[in-house]
Amino acid sequence: MKTEMHLSALRDLDPAPLRATDPTLRLRSEARLQQILATAPTPGPQRQPRPVRRRVMLASVAALLLAGVIVATDVIIPGKSGASAEAAQVLEATASATITASDPPVGPGQYLKIDTKAVYPSFGGLSGPPSVWLEQANGQMYVPADRNGQWTWNREARTPIVFFSDLAKERAAEGNPMGKSQVIRADKGAFYGSPQIIFNGMPLDDAIKSLPRDPGRLLDVIYKQTHGLGPNAETEALISVADILRKGVIPADLRAALYKAAALIPGVTVSDRQATLDGRNGVAIGISNWGGYLRQDIIVDPQNGLLIGERTVLLRANGEYPGVPEGTAISWTAVETSVVGSAP
């Protein structure tokens, strides 16, 4: 397996678009990436990773893995003003609907199918003008009734879908795809030897058992686990809420606590009451970050308590995303779950 294939596998263990748009974070993440590559079990010939501007994904992988080596220290919890009244009302309603709606039962021989559609930005321009385009990376995870059993993951080939210039289209065509469609299997979902995690290296089952259901205490844990990451504590907390929710296997009581925890995050507002993501409608709850030129949203359905997905929206044009119009969702993830009788 080539180095880039290995990086793609690491990233797609959590297939949502990862954020590494801050130049300082990217440089710090790139240094960590070199350490990871030095010890990563990648059989066969290896190539040096592309520089970070060529593929933002490289920095994104490192940003994810970097979180696993940061030791939480005493942190100052942000102010207690919480989300706007409107956002808090939506999140409280979503939490209430989550509790009243039953989780779909997965019987013997059945699977919980987690269908993920993800879009994220890719960059070109090591020499000459920079360019950016969007790529789609979809997948379906099949989780058995006994999560200690064999999981199945259908990874669809990553495909460029939106180009913001003719130059971007040319560079995307020159790119080196990081994998073809494939079906892989792993006991306990430990694909490529990596266990399923929530955030900051916390294994999935351990997190489900240990994370507090009290919203205030849960938010404290999230702040401490993500201390020093992202543009600010509030944005990173909302991202972490989305990261946990989109796993698709989170029980209703923890999902409800996460929604209520999000209602305690200062700066969170309703950004769009009629948000559409992958053809599904919901309410977007968001927070501005990176100096106000990006907004992080989670999109929920208050009627049934489901997370529809998340997105990052470009609020104003800038050199980081050349040619991308204001208001564009530069990355998004839609998640849908169902119970099925078989896996590929």
Protein backbone atom coordinates (compact mmCIF):
# COMPACT_ATOMS: atom_id res chain seq x y z
CA MET A 1 0.00 0.00 0.00
CA LYS A 2 1.40 3.39 -0.90
CA THR A 3 1.92 6.13 1.64
CA GLU A 4 -0.93 8.21 0.25
CA MET A 5 -3.25 5.21 0.40
CA HIS A 6 -2.30 4.73 4.05
CA LEU A 7 -3.05 8.39 4.79
CA SER A 8 -6.40 8.10 3.07
CA ALA A 9 -7.24 5.08 5.18
CA LEU A 10 -6.37 6.93 8.38
CA ARG A 11 -8.45 9.93 7.40
CA ASP A 12 -11.44 7.91 6.32
CA LEU A 13 -11.73 6.13 9.66
CA ASP A 14 -13.72 9.24 10.41
CA PRO A 15 -14.83 10.26 6.93
CA ALA A 16 -16.12 13.69 7.68
CA PRO A 17 -14.13 16.67 6.43
CA LEU A 18 -11.51 17.68 8.95
CA ARG A 19 -10.54 21.29 9.56
CA ALA A 20 -6.99 22.47 9.22
CA THR A 21 -7.42 25.86 7.59
CA ASP A 22 -5.36 27.86 10.08
CA PRO A 23 -1.78 28.15 8.71
CA THR A 24 -0.23 27.76 12.18
CA LEU A 25 -2.20 24.58 12.82
CA ARG A 26 -1.23 23.20 9.42
CA LEU A 27 2.48 23.74 10.06
CA ARG A 28 2.26 22.18 13.52
CA SER A 29 0.25 19.27 12.13
CA GLU A 30 2.72 18.68 9.28
CA ALA A 31 5.54 18.22 11.81
CA ARG A 32 3.47 15.65 13.68
CA LEU A 33 2.65 13.94 10.38
CA GLN A 34 6.32 13.27 9.74
CA GLN A 35 6.54 11.45 13.09
CA ILE A 36 3.46 9.40 12.26
CA LEU A 37 4.79 8.39 8.85
CA ALA A 38 8.10 7.32 10.40
CA THR A 39 6.37 4.65 12.48
CA ALA A 40 3.21 3.88 10.47
CA PRO A 41 2.93 0.20 9.44
CA THR A 42 2.76 0.77 5.69
CA PRO A 43 3.88 -2.29 3.71
CA GLY A 44 5.50 -1.96 0.32
CA PRO A 45 7.36 0.98 -1.22
CA GLN A 46 6.70 4.39 0.29
CA ARG A 47 6.71 7.88 -1.10
CA GLN A 48 7.18 11.14 0.69
CA PRO A 49 3.87 12.89 1.44
CA ARG A 50 2.90 15.76 -0.79
CA PRO A 51 3.48 19.21 0.73
CA VAL A 52 0.53 20.49 2.64
CA ARG A 53 -0.80 22.95 0.05
CA ARG A 54 -1.18 20.14 -2.47
CA ARG A 55 -3.55 18.17 -0.33
CA VAL A 56 -5.14 19.73 2.72
CA MET A 57 -6.05 16.19 3.70
CA LEU A 58 -2.50 15.49 4.85
CA ALA A 59 -2.65 18.24 7.42
CA SER A 60 -6.15 17.15 8.33
CA VAL A 61 -5.00 13.63 9.16
CA ALA A 62 -2.24 14.99 11.31
CA ALA A 63 -4.65 17.36 13.05
CA LEU A 64 -6.86 14.40 13.94
CA LEU A 65 -3.98 12.25 15.17
CA LEU A 66 -2.32 15.17 16.94
CA ALA A 67 -5.38 15.37 19.17
CA GLY A 68 -4.56 11.90 20.43
CA VAL A 69 -1.19 12.92 21.88
CA ILE A 70 -2.12 16.17 23.59
CA VAL A 71 -2.36 15.83 27.35
CA ALA A 72 -5.29 17.72 28.82
CA THR A 73 -4.32 20.30 31.42
CA ASP A 74 -6.30 22.64 33.59
CA VAL A 75 -8.30 24.88 31.32
CA ILE A 76 -10.36 27.97 31.77
CA ILE A 77 -13.91 27.12 30.83
CA PRO A 78 -15.39 29.79 28.54
CA GLY A 79 -18.16 32.04 29.76
CA LYS A 80 -21.48 30.63 30.86
CA SER A 81 -23.72 32.80 28.69
CA GLY A 82 -24.33 29.86 26.37
CA ALA A 83 -25.97 29.78 22.95
CA SER A 84 -28.54 32.31 21.80
CA ALA A 85 -32.06 31.80 23.12
CA GLU A 86 -33.25 30.66 19.70
CA ALA A 87 -30.44 28.14 19.28
CA ALA A 88 -30.90 26.85 22.81
CA GLN A 89 -34.61 26.34 22.15
CA VAL A 90 -33.91 24.34 18.97
CA LEU A 91 -31.27 22.21 20.68
CA GLU A 92 -33.48 21.54 23.71
CA ALA A 93 -36.32 20.47 21.39
CA THR A 94 -33.93 18.21 19.49
CA ALA A 95 -32.72 16.66 22.74
CA SER A 96 -36.30 16.02 23.88
CA ALA A 97 -37.18 14.37 20.56
CA THR A 98 -34.05 12.21 20.82
CA ILE A 99 -35.12 10.82 24.17
CA THR A 100 -38.71 10.11 23.12
CA ALA A 101 -37.66 8.44 19.84
CA SER A 102 -36.43 4.86 20.24
CA ASP A 103 -33.10 3.76 18.82
CA PRO A 104 -33.68 1.27 15.99
CA PRO A 105 -33.25 -2.28 17.35
CA VAL A 106 -30.55 -4.30 15.62
CA GLY A 107 -31.34 -8.00 15.93
CA PRO A 108 -29.11 -11.06 15.50
CA GLY A 109 -27.81 -11.25 11.94
CA GLN A 110 -28.72 -7.63 11.27
CA TYR A 111 -26.53 -4.56 10.85
CA LEU A 112 -26.76 -0.89 11.61
CA LYS A 113 -25.93 0.76 8.30
CA ILE A 114 -24.28 4.18 8.63
CA ASP A 115 -24.41 5.92 5.27
CA THR A 116 -21.98 8.84 5.10
CA LYS A 117 -21.67 11.35 2.28
CA ALA A 118 -18.72 13.67 2.68
CA VAL A 119 -17.32 16.57 0.66
CA TYR A 120 -14.12 18.42 1.48
CA PRO A 121 -11.72 20.87 -0.21
CA SER A 122 -8.51 19.91 -1.97
CA PHE A 123 -5.79 22.33 -3.00
CA GLY A 124 -3.25 22.64 -5.80
CA GLY A 125 -0.53 25.16 -6.49
CA LEU A 126 2.89 24.33 -5.13
CA SER A 127 4.17 26.46 -7.99
CA GLY A 128 2.09 29.05 -9.77
CA PRO A 129 -1.34 30.33 -8.74
CA PRO A 130 -3.18 28.36 -6.04
CA SER A 131 -6.42 26.59 -6.87
CA VAL A 132 -9.11 24.73 -4.97
CA TRP A 133 -11.80 22.20 -5.77
CA LEU A 134 -14.19 19.96 -3.84
CA GLU A 135 -13.97 16.19 -3.66
CA GLN A 136 -16.60 13.68 -2.58
CA ALA A 137 -15.79 10.65 -0.42
CA ASN A 138 -18.82 8.51 0.38
CA GLY A 139 -19.00 5.30 2.34
CA GLN A 140 -21.29 2.85 4.08
CA MET A 141 -20.40 1.24 7.40
CA TYR A 142 -22.19 -1.93 8.49
CA VAL A 143 -22.05 -2.47 12.26
CA PRO A 144 -23.21 -5.89 13.53
CA ALA A 145 -25.63 -6.27 16.41
CA ASP A 146 -22.66 -7.43 18.50
CA ARG A 147 -20.15 -4.61 18.02
CA ASN A 148 -17.36 -7.02 18.94
CA GLY A 149 -18.11 -8.86 15.70
CA GLN A 150 -16.94 -8.10 12.19
CA TRP A 151 -17.70 -4.66 10.78
CA THR A 152 -17.90 -4.07 7.03
CA TRP A 153 -16.98 -0.83 5.30
CA ASN A 154 -17.76 -0.03 1.68
CA ARG A 155 -15.38 2.78 0.74
CA GLU A 156 -16.35 4.50 -2.48
CA ALA A 157 -13.67 6.04 -4.67
CA ARG A 158 -12.97 9.69 -3.96
CA THR A 159 -14.14 11.91 -6.80
CA PRO A 160 -13.61 15.59 -7.68
CA ILE A 161 -17.06 17.15 -8.11
CA VAL A 162 -16.86 20.98 -7.94
CA PHE A 163 -14.21 23.18 -9.54
CA PHE A 164 -13.78 26.88 -8.85
CA SER A 165 -11.60 27.56 -11.89
CA ASP A 166 -10.40 25.91 -15.09
CA LEU A 167 -6.98 25.64 -13.46
CA ALA A 168 -8.50 23.72 -10.55
CA LYS A 169 -10.09 21.26 -12.99
CA GLU A 170 -6.74 20.72 -14.69
CA ARG A 171 -4.93 20.15 -11.41
CA ALA A 172 -7.60 17.81 -10.10
CA ALA A 173 -7.18 15.73 -13.25
CA GLU A 174 -3.44 15.59 -12.60
CA GLY A 175 -3.95 14.50 -9.00
CA ASN A 176 -3.13 11.09 -7.65
CA PRO A 177 -6.34 9.38 -6.40
CA MET A 178 -5.92 7.87 -2.96
CA GLY A 179 -7.80 4.67 -3.47
CA LYS A 180 -10.49 2.94 -5.46
CA SER A 181 -13.84 1.61 -4.32
CA GLN A 182 -13.33 -1.33 -2.02
CA VAL A 183 -15.04 -3.37 0.66
CA ILE A 184 -12.99 -4.05 3.78
CA ARG A 185 -13.75 -5.85 7.03
CA ALA A 186 -12.40 -5.69 10.56
CA ASP A 187 -13.33 -7.15 13.92
CA LYS A 188 -14.66 -4.50 16.32
CA GLY A 189 -14.36 -1.93 13.53
CA ALA A 190 -10.57 -1.70 13.93
CA PHE A 191 -9.93 -0.90 10.28
CA TYR A 192 -6.24 -0.67 9.34
CA GLY A 193 -5.42 -1.58 12.93
CA SER A 194 -7.01 1.60 14.32
CA PRO A 195 -9.89 1.25 16.80
CA GLN A 196 -13.03 3.30 16.47
CA ILE A 197 -12.54 6.50 18.49
CA ILE A 198 -14.66 9.44 19.59
CA PHE A 199 -12.18 12.28 20.01
CA ASN A 200 -8.69 12.73 21.40
CA GLY A 201 -8.01 8.99 21.21
CA MET A 202 -10.97 7.93 23.36
CA PRO A 203 -12.20 4.49 22.19
CA LEU A 204 -15.83 4.36 21.12
CA ASP A 205 -17.19 1.93 23.72
CA ASP A 206 -15.19 3.52 26.54
CA ALA A 207 -16.58 6.92 25.60
CA ILE A 208 -20.16 5.69 25.46
CA LYS A 209 -19.80 4.24 28.95
CA SER A 210 -17.78 7.02 30.59
CA LEU A 211 -18.92 10.32 29.11
CA PRO A 212 -21.22 12.13 31.56
CA ARG A 213 -24.85 12.63 30.64
CA ASP A 214 -25.04 15.90 32.57
CA PRO A 215 -24.70 18.59 29.84
CA GLY A 216 -22.48 20.90 31.87
CA ARG A 217 -20.08 18.17 32.93
CA LEU A 218 -20.05 16.77 29.40
CA LEU A 219 -19.11 20.16 27.96
CA ASP A 220 -16.34 20.48 30.56
CA VAL A 221 -14.91 17.15 29.36
CA ILE A 222 -15.07 18.29 25.74
CA TYR A 223 -13.33 21.59 26.53
CA LYS A 224 -10.54 19.79 28.37
CA GLN A 225 -10.09 17.10 25.72
CA THR A 226 -9.86 19.69 22.92
CA HIS A 227 -7.84 22.30 24.78
CA GLY A 228 -5.53 24.20 22.42
CA LEU A 229 -7.08 22.84 19.22
CA GLY A 230 -8.90 24.75 16.48
CA PRO A 231 -9.54 28.48 16.23
CA ASN A 232 -11.08 28.76 19.73
CA ALA A 233 -12.54 26.59 22.46
CA GLU A 234 -16.18 27.23 21.49
CA THR A 235 -15.79 26.28 17.83
CA GLU A 236 -13.80 23.18 18.66
CA ALA A 237 -16.44 22.15 21.20
CA LEU A 238 -19.20 22.35 18.58
CA ILE A 239 -17.04 20.40 16.11
CA SER A 240 -16.49 17.72 18.76
CA VAL A 241 -20.23 17.45 19.38
CA ALA A 242 -20.72 16.82 15.66
CA ASP A 243 -17.79 14.38 15.56
CA ILE A 244 -19.37 12.26 18.26
CA LEU A 245 -22.92 12.42 16.92
CA ARG A 246 -22.05 11.39 13.38
CA LYS A 247 -20.56 8.09 14.52
CA GLY A 248 -24.09 6.77 14.14
CA VAL A 249 -23.84 4.35 17.06
CA ILE A 250 -24.27 6.83 19.93
CA PRO A 251 -27.17 5.90 22.26
CA ALA A 252 -30.11 8.28 22.66
CA ASP A 253 -29.26 9.43 26.19
CA LEU A 254 -25.76 10.54 25.16
CA ARG A 255 -27.06 12.17 21.96
CA ALA A 256 -29.54 14.19 24.02
CA ALA A 257 -26.78 15.26 26.43
CA LEU A 258 -24.63 16.37 23.49
CA TYR A 259 -27.40 18.57 22.11
CA LYS A 260 -27.92 20.12 25.53
CA ALA A 261 -24.17 20.62 25.91
CA ALA A 262 -24.12 22.46 22.57
CA ALA A 263 -26.80 24.79 23.95
CA LEU A 264 -24.29 25.88 26.62
CA ILE A 265 -21.59 26.94 24.13
CA PRO A 266 -21.22 30.74 23.91
CA GLY A 267 -21.55 32.17 20.41
CA VAL A 268 -23.74 29.38 19.02
CA THR A 269 -26.73 30.72 17.05
CA VAL A 270 -29.34 29.58 14.54
CA SER A 271 -27.66 30.23 11.19
CA ASP A 272 -30.39 28.82 8.94
CA ARG A 273 -33.89 27.67 9.88
CA GLN A 274 -34.41 26.10 6.44
CA ALA A 275 -31.09 24.35 5.87
CA THR A 276 -30.87 21.61 3.25
CA LEU A 277 -28.11 19.02 3.24
CA ASP A 278 -28.07 16.11 0.80
CA GLY A 279 -31.76 16.65 0.09
CA ARG A 280 -32.83 16.61 3.75
CA ASN A 281 -34.14 19.64 5.59
CA GLY A 282 -33.34 20.79 9.10
CA VAL A 283 -32.18 23.68 11.26
CA ALA A 284 -28.54 24.79 11.09
CA ILE A 285 -26.91 25.71 14.41
CA GLY A 286 -23.59 27.44 13.88
CA ILE A 287 -20.68 29.46 15.20
CA SER A 288 -18.28 31.74 13.31
CA ASN A 289 -14.57 31.05 13.51
CA TRP A 290 -11.14 31.70 11.94
CA GLY A 291 -11.55 35.45 12.27
CA GLY A 292 -15.14 35.38 11.08
CA TYR A 293 -14.54 34.11 7.55
CA LEU A 294 -15.80 30.58 8.21
CA ARG A 295 -18.85 29.25 10.02
CA GLN A 296 -19.20 25.79 11.48
CA ASP A 297 -22.76 24.39 11.40
CA ILE A 298 -24.44 21.29 12.68
CA ILE A 299 -27.79 20.56 11.05
CA VAL A 300 -30.44 18.87 13.15
CA ASP A 301 -34.05 17.77 12.80
CA PRO A 302 -35.86 18.95 15.96
CA GLN A 303 -38.84 16.75 15.08
CA ASN A 304 -37.03 13.43 15.48
CA GLY A 305 -33.78 14.40 17.20
CA LEU A 306 -31.55 13.23 14.37
CA LEU A 307 -28.30 14.81 13.26
CA ILE A 308 -28.62 15.38 9.52
CA GLY A 309 -25.01 16.42 9.19
CA GLU A 310 -22.57 19.28 9.41
CA ARG A 311 -20.93 21.82 7.14
CA THR A 312 -18.31 24.55 7.03
CA VAL A 313 -19.45 27.68 5.19
CA LEU A 314 -17.19 30.35 3.69
CA LEU A 315 -18.56 33.68 4.92
CA ARG A 316 -16.26 35.94 2.95
CA ALA A 317 -13.85 35.44 0.10
CA ASN A 318 -10.13 35.30 0.93
CA GLY A 319 -6.83 34.00 -0.36
CA GLU A 320 -7.12 30.75 1.56
CA TYR A 321 -9.91 29.63 -0.80
CA PRO A 322 -9.16 31.38 -4.14
CA GLY A 323 -12.15 31.69 -6.44
CA VAL A 324 -14.64 30.24 -3.97
CA PRO A 325 -17.79 32.43 -3.71
CA GLU A 326 -19.05 33.65 -0.37
CA GLY A 327 -21.73 31.42 1.11
CA THR A 328 -20.24 28.21 -0.32
CA ALA A 329 -20.21 25.12 1.88
CA ILE A 330 -16.53 24.25 1.44
CA SER A 331 -16.99 20.98 3.32
CA TRP A 332 -19.99 19.01 4.52
CA THR A 333 -20.97 15.61 5.82
CA ALA A 334 -24.43 14.02 5.77
CA VAL A 335 -25.16 10.95 7.88
CA GLU A 336 -28.12 8.60 7.72
CA THR A 337 -28.65 5.36 9.65
CA SER A 338 -30.88 2.36 9.01
CA VAL A 339 -31.12 -1.31 9.96
CA VAL A 340 -30.42 -3.85 7.22
CA GLY A 341 -30.35 -7.63 7.02
CA SER A 342 -26.97 -8.10 5.37
CA ALA A 343 -23.61 -6.51 4.63
CA PRO A 344 -21.68 -6.52 1.34
